[in-house]
Structures are given as C-alpha cells and as structure tokens.
Protein backbone atom coordinates (compact mmCIF):
# COMPACT_ATOMS: atom_id res chain seq x y z
CA MET A 1 91.96 78.54 99.38
CA LYS A 2 95.09 76.15 99.54
CA VAL A 3 97.41 75.89 102.60
CA LEU A 4 100.51 73.56 102.58
CA ALA A 5 101.45 72.41 106.03
CA LEU A 6 104.88 71.50 107.36
CA CYS A 7 105.72 69.54 110.38
CA GLY A 8 109.06 69.70 112.04
CA SER A 9 108.89 66.50 113.50
CA LEU A 10 109.92 62.87 112.21
CA ARG A 11 108.47 60.93 115.21
CA SER A 12 105.73 58.57 114.51
CA GLY A 13 104.08 59.96 117.52
CA SER A 14 104.59 63.63 117.13
CA LEU A 15 102.71 66.01 118.99
CA ASN A 16 103.07 68.53 116.06
CA ALA A 17 101.85 66.14 113.56
CA ALA A 18 98.82 65.44 115.61
CA VAL A 19 97.95 69.13 115.72
CA LEU A 20 98.27 69.25 111.90
CA ARG A 21 95.84 66.27 111.51
CA SER A 22 93.58 68.21 113.60
CA ALA A 23 93.89 71.43 111.62
CA ALA A 24 93.10 69.29 108.71
CA ASP A 25 89.90 67.97 110.38
CA LEU A 26 88.87 71.67 110.84
CA PHE A 27 89.31 72.38 107.20
CA VAL A 28 86.04 72.66 105.20
CA GLU A 29 85.37 74.13 101.62
CA PRO A 30 86.71 75.99 100.03
CA TRP A 31 89.77 75.46 102.42
CA GLU A 32 92.23 72.68 101.14
CA ILE A 33 95.25 71.60 103.13
CA THR A 34 98.00 69.54 102.10
CA ILE A 35 100.25 68.19 104.95
CA GLU A 36 103.92 67.89 103.57
CA PRO A 37 104.37 64.13 103.99
CA ASP A 38 107.99 63.81 105.30
CA LEU A 39 110.39 66.53 105.31
CA GLY A 40 113.06 63.93 106.23
CA ARG A 41 113.19 62.83 102.45
CA LEU A 42 114.68 66.00 101.53
CA PRO A 43 118.70 65.69 101.06
CA PHE A 44 120.81 68.13 103.22
CA PHE A 45 121.01 71.61 101.58
CA ASN A 46 123.83 72.40 99.53
CA ALA A 47 123.98 75.60 97.47
CA ASP A 48 126.13 73.90 94.70
CA VAL A 49 123.43 71.33 94.32
CA GLU A 50 120.81 74.15 94.31
CA GLU A 51 122.46 75.95 91.72
CA ASN A 52 123.60 73.31 89.40
CA ASP A 53 120.88 70.47 89.65
CA LEU A 54 117.95 71.15 91.92
CA PRO A 55 116.69 67.65 93.25
CA GLU A 56 113.19 66.95 91.78
CA ILE A 57 111.82 66.66 95.43
CA VAL A 58 112.95 70.09 96.32
CA ALA A 59 111.39 71.44 93.22
CA GLU A 60 108.14 69.80 94.01
CA LEU A 61 108.20 71.23 97.56
CA ARG A 62 108.75 74.45 95.99
CA ALA A 63 105.86 74.13 93.49
CA ARG A 64 103.54 73.05 96.10
CA LEU A 65 104.52 76.17 98.45
CA GLY A 66 104.23 78.47 95.34
CA ALA A 67 100.79 77.07 94.61
CA SER A 68 99.59 77.72 98.28
CA ASP A 69 97.82 80.86 99.38
CA GLY A 70 99.35 80.20 102.98
CA LEU A 71 101.46 77.86 105.13
CA LEU A 72 101.04 76.43 108.59
CA ILE A 73 104.00 75.06 110.25
CA ALA A 74 104.03 73.09 113.42
CA THR A 75 107.41 72.82 115.16
CA PRO A 76 108.77 71.00 118.18
CA GLU A 77 111.53 72.82 120.05
CA TYR A 78 114.95 71.51 120.24
CA ALA A 79 117.90 73.16 122.09
CA HIS A 80 115.92 76.33 121.92
CA GLY A 81 115.37 76.22 118.28
CA THR A 82 113.31 74.36 115.62
CA SER A 83 114.42 70.84 114.42
CA GLY A 84 117.11 70.18 111.99
CA VAL A 85 114.84 68.74 109.27
CA LEU A 86 112.53 72.08 109.46
CA LYS A 87 115.79 74.12 109.18
CA ASN A 88 116.76 71.99 106.09
CA ALA A 89 113.44 72.56 104.30
CA LEU A 90 113.63 76.08 104.86
CA GLU A 91 117.03 76.41 103.69
CA TRP A 92 116.15 74.69 100.34
CA LEU A 93 113.00 77.37 100.23
CA VAL A 94 115.05 80.38 100.66
CA GLY A 95 116.44 80.61 97.06
CA GLY A 96 112.90 79.75 95.31
CA GLY A 97 111.14 83.06 96.06
CA GLU A 98 107.84 81.20 97.12
CA MET A 99 107.84 82.42 100.68
CA ALA A 100 107.58 86.07 99.53
CA ASP A 101 104.71 87.75 101.12
CA LYS A 102 103.40 84.16 101.92
CA PRO A 103 100.93 84.39 105.10
CA VAL A 104 102.25 81.88 107.52
CA ALA A 105 100.79 80.74 110.82
CA LEU A 106 103.06 78.94 113.56
CA VAL A 107 102.18 76.36 116.06
CA SER A 108 104.50 74.73 118.69
CA ALA A 109 103.35 71.83 120.66
CA SER A 110 105.65 70.62 123.39
CA PRO A 111 105.39 68.53 126.61
CA ALA A 112 107.05 71.31 128.33
CA VAL A 113 105.32 74.11 130.04
CA THR A 114 107.09 76.74 127.77
CA GLY A 115 104.79 75.34 124.61
CA GLY A 116 107.91 75.59 122.31
CA ASP A 117 107.88 79.40 122.52
CA ARG A 118 111.76 79.77 121.78
CA ALA A 119 111.09 77.60 118.60
CA ARG A 120 108.39 79.77 117.26
CA ALA A 121 110.56 82.81 118.02
CA TRP A 122 113.24 81.41 116.00
CA LEU A 123 110.94 80.40 113.13
CA THR A 124 109.46 83.90 113.16
CA GLU A 125 112.78 85.52 112.80
CA THR A 126 113.82 82.89 109.99
CA LEU A 127 110.76 83.38 108.04
CA THR A 128 110.61 87.16 108.25
CA VAL A 129 114.03 87.29 106.68
CA MET A 130 112.78 85.01 103.91
CA GLY A 131 110.31 87.63 103.19
CA ALA A 132 107.08 85.71 104.59
CA ASN A 133 104.16 87.20 106.15
CA VAL A 134 104.29 85.68 109.72
CA LEU A 135 101.11 86.15 111.52
CA PRO A 136 101.91 87.65 114.88
CA ASP A 137 100.03 85.42 117.18
CA GLY A 138 101.00 81.96 116.67
CA LEU A 139 99.74 79.00 118.90
CA ARG A 140 101.83 77.48 121.70
CA ILE A 141 100.44 74.38 123.04
CA PRO A 142 102.31 73.56 126.30
CA GLN A 143 102.05 70.15 127.90
CA ALA A 144 100.91 68.76 124.79
CA THR A 145 100.99 65.13 125.67
CA ARG A 146 98.00 65.84 128.01
CA LYS A 147 96.15 67.35 125.09
CA VAL A 148 96.55 64.61 122.54
CA THR A 149 94.70 61.52 122.35
CA ASP A 150 94.81 58.87 119.44
CA GLY A 151 96.97 61.11 117.39
CA ARG A 152 94.58 64.31 117.40
CA LEU A 153 94.17 67.07 119.55
CA ALA A 154 91.25 66.28 122.23
CA ASP A 155 91.55 69.35 124.48
CA GLU A 156 88.71 71.51 123.32
CA PRO A 157 90.24 74.94 124.50
CA THR A 158 93.38 74.02 122.25
CA LEU A 159 91.06 73.22 119.32
CA ALA A 160 89.29 76.56 119.86
CA ALA A 161 92.70 78.30 119.74
CA LEU A 162 93.72 76.31 116.56
CA ARG A 163 90.40 77.16 114.97
CA HIS A 164 91.24 81.02 115.87
CA LEU A 165 94.63 80.68 114.27
CA LEU A 166 93.40 79.08 111.31
CA ASP A 167 90.54 81.95 111.06
CA ASP A 168 93.58 84.24 111.44
CA LEU A 169 95.50 82.76 108.73
CA ALA A 170 92.16 82.80 106.30
CA GLN A 171 92.05 86.64 106.98
CA ALA A 172 95.58 86.92 106.18
CA VAL A 173 95.45 85.08 102.93
CA THR A 174 92.22 87.25 102.15
CA ARG A 175 94.26 90.54 102.71
CA ALA A 176 97.19 89.26 100.66
CA ARG A 177 94.76 88.54 97.64
CA GLU A 178 93.22 92.09 97.94
CA GLU A 179 96.49 93.52 98.25
CA SER A 180 97.70 91.55 95.24
CA ASP A 181 94.54 92.57 93.11
CA ALA A 182 94.84 96.17 94.08
CA PHE A 183 98.62 96.26 92.96
CA ALA A 184 97.81 94.48 89.82
CA SER A 185 94.92 97.16 88.84
C-alpha cells in the first residue's frame, strides 16, 4: 500500500512537515509512504505550458500520485485557506486525472486554536471538485507548537488521532481496491 504525502508548508520548522514525519514513523509494512520533498520546486501553474510542454518535475509528481494508493496532505492555514504552494501543486494535478477516486486524508496543524479548520474545508472542496475521495474526518491539530518536539509530534493523544486517521485511510484504500476489482470483473 503506497501513500504519497504532500506538505503545504515550505518552512524549515514546519509543524505540518513534523506531522508527516510522524506519520511516516507510524507506517509499517506493507505500508510505504513517500513524502514529496519540496512543492516549492514546481513552477507556477500555466495552462499553456501544461498543454504544450509539461515540465518533467510535474510529470514526475503526477506519476508518483498515479502510482500511489492514497494521498495524505498536511496543510497550514493562511488567510483562511491553504498555502499558495499547495494550491499551485493541486493546479498542476487537476489536468492529469490521477486524483480521480483517490482516497485522501487531510491534516492541518496550526499554532491557532482553530487548528486550520478553514484550510481543511477549502482543501476538501477543491479536492472533491478534482474527483478525489476525501475522507470525511480529517485531523485538526490546534496549538500544534505545544505538541511538536524535535520535528515530530510528541503529544500522545494527537499521535493516537493520527494513527486513527491513517487507519481510516487504509480502510478507504481497501474499499477503493475492492470496488475497482468488482468493477473490473
């Protein structure tokens, strides 16, 4: 079971990157997680470029998404939405079709007490329009600065909630495979 993870923050001390590292620590065989190294490397989306000369870095991202069974996204909240870097990545992914029916789990870690609720809501709407199968219960991590130590989640209740979200993602992937197998029969 392969999961691609996207982080919507470029900060070196990103709370959301800490969440993804913690998720990777929780993965065990047969799970495999690939954390996309840096969405900041993607050029700004341009439909003309997409149509005429798709950048290799975008083709590689699309291929990784296409090869994955599920997607885990960790997002900060900026101005009641997600980050520009994550929005840009999603714009590059719209035209590829790899998002169709892909199980997606959303996490938002924020120093605020709201935990990034608005960013997750924004992402849910965007990903649904893209055809993704967004899990209804994402994970919000409010006051995340108090829950991260040395670049990892250190708060046990939050780690338990992350484990639960990953279990939900695994179940969604299993259901998607079963539906795909039934449709193919």
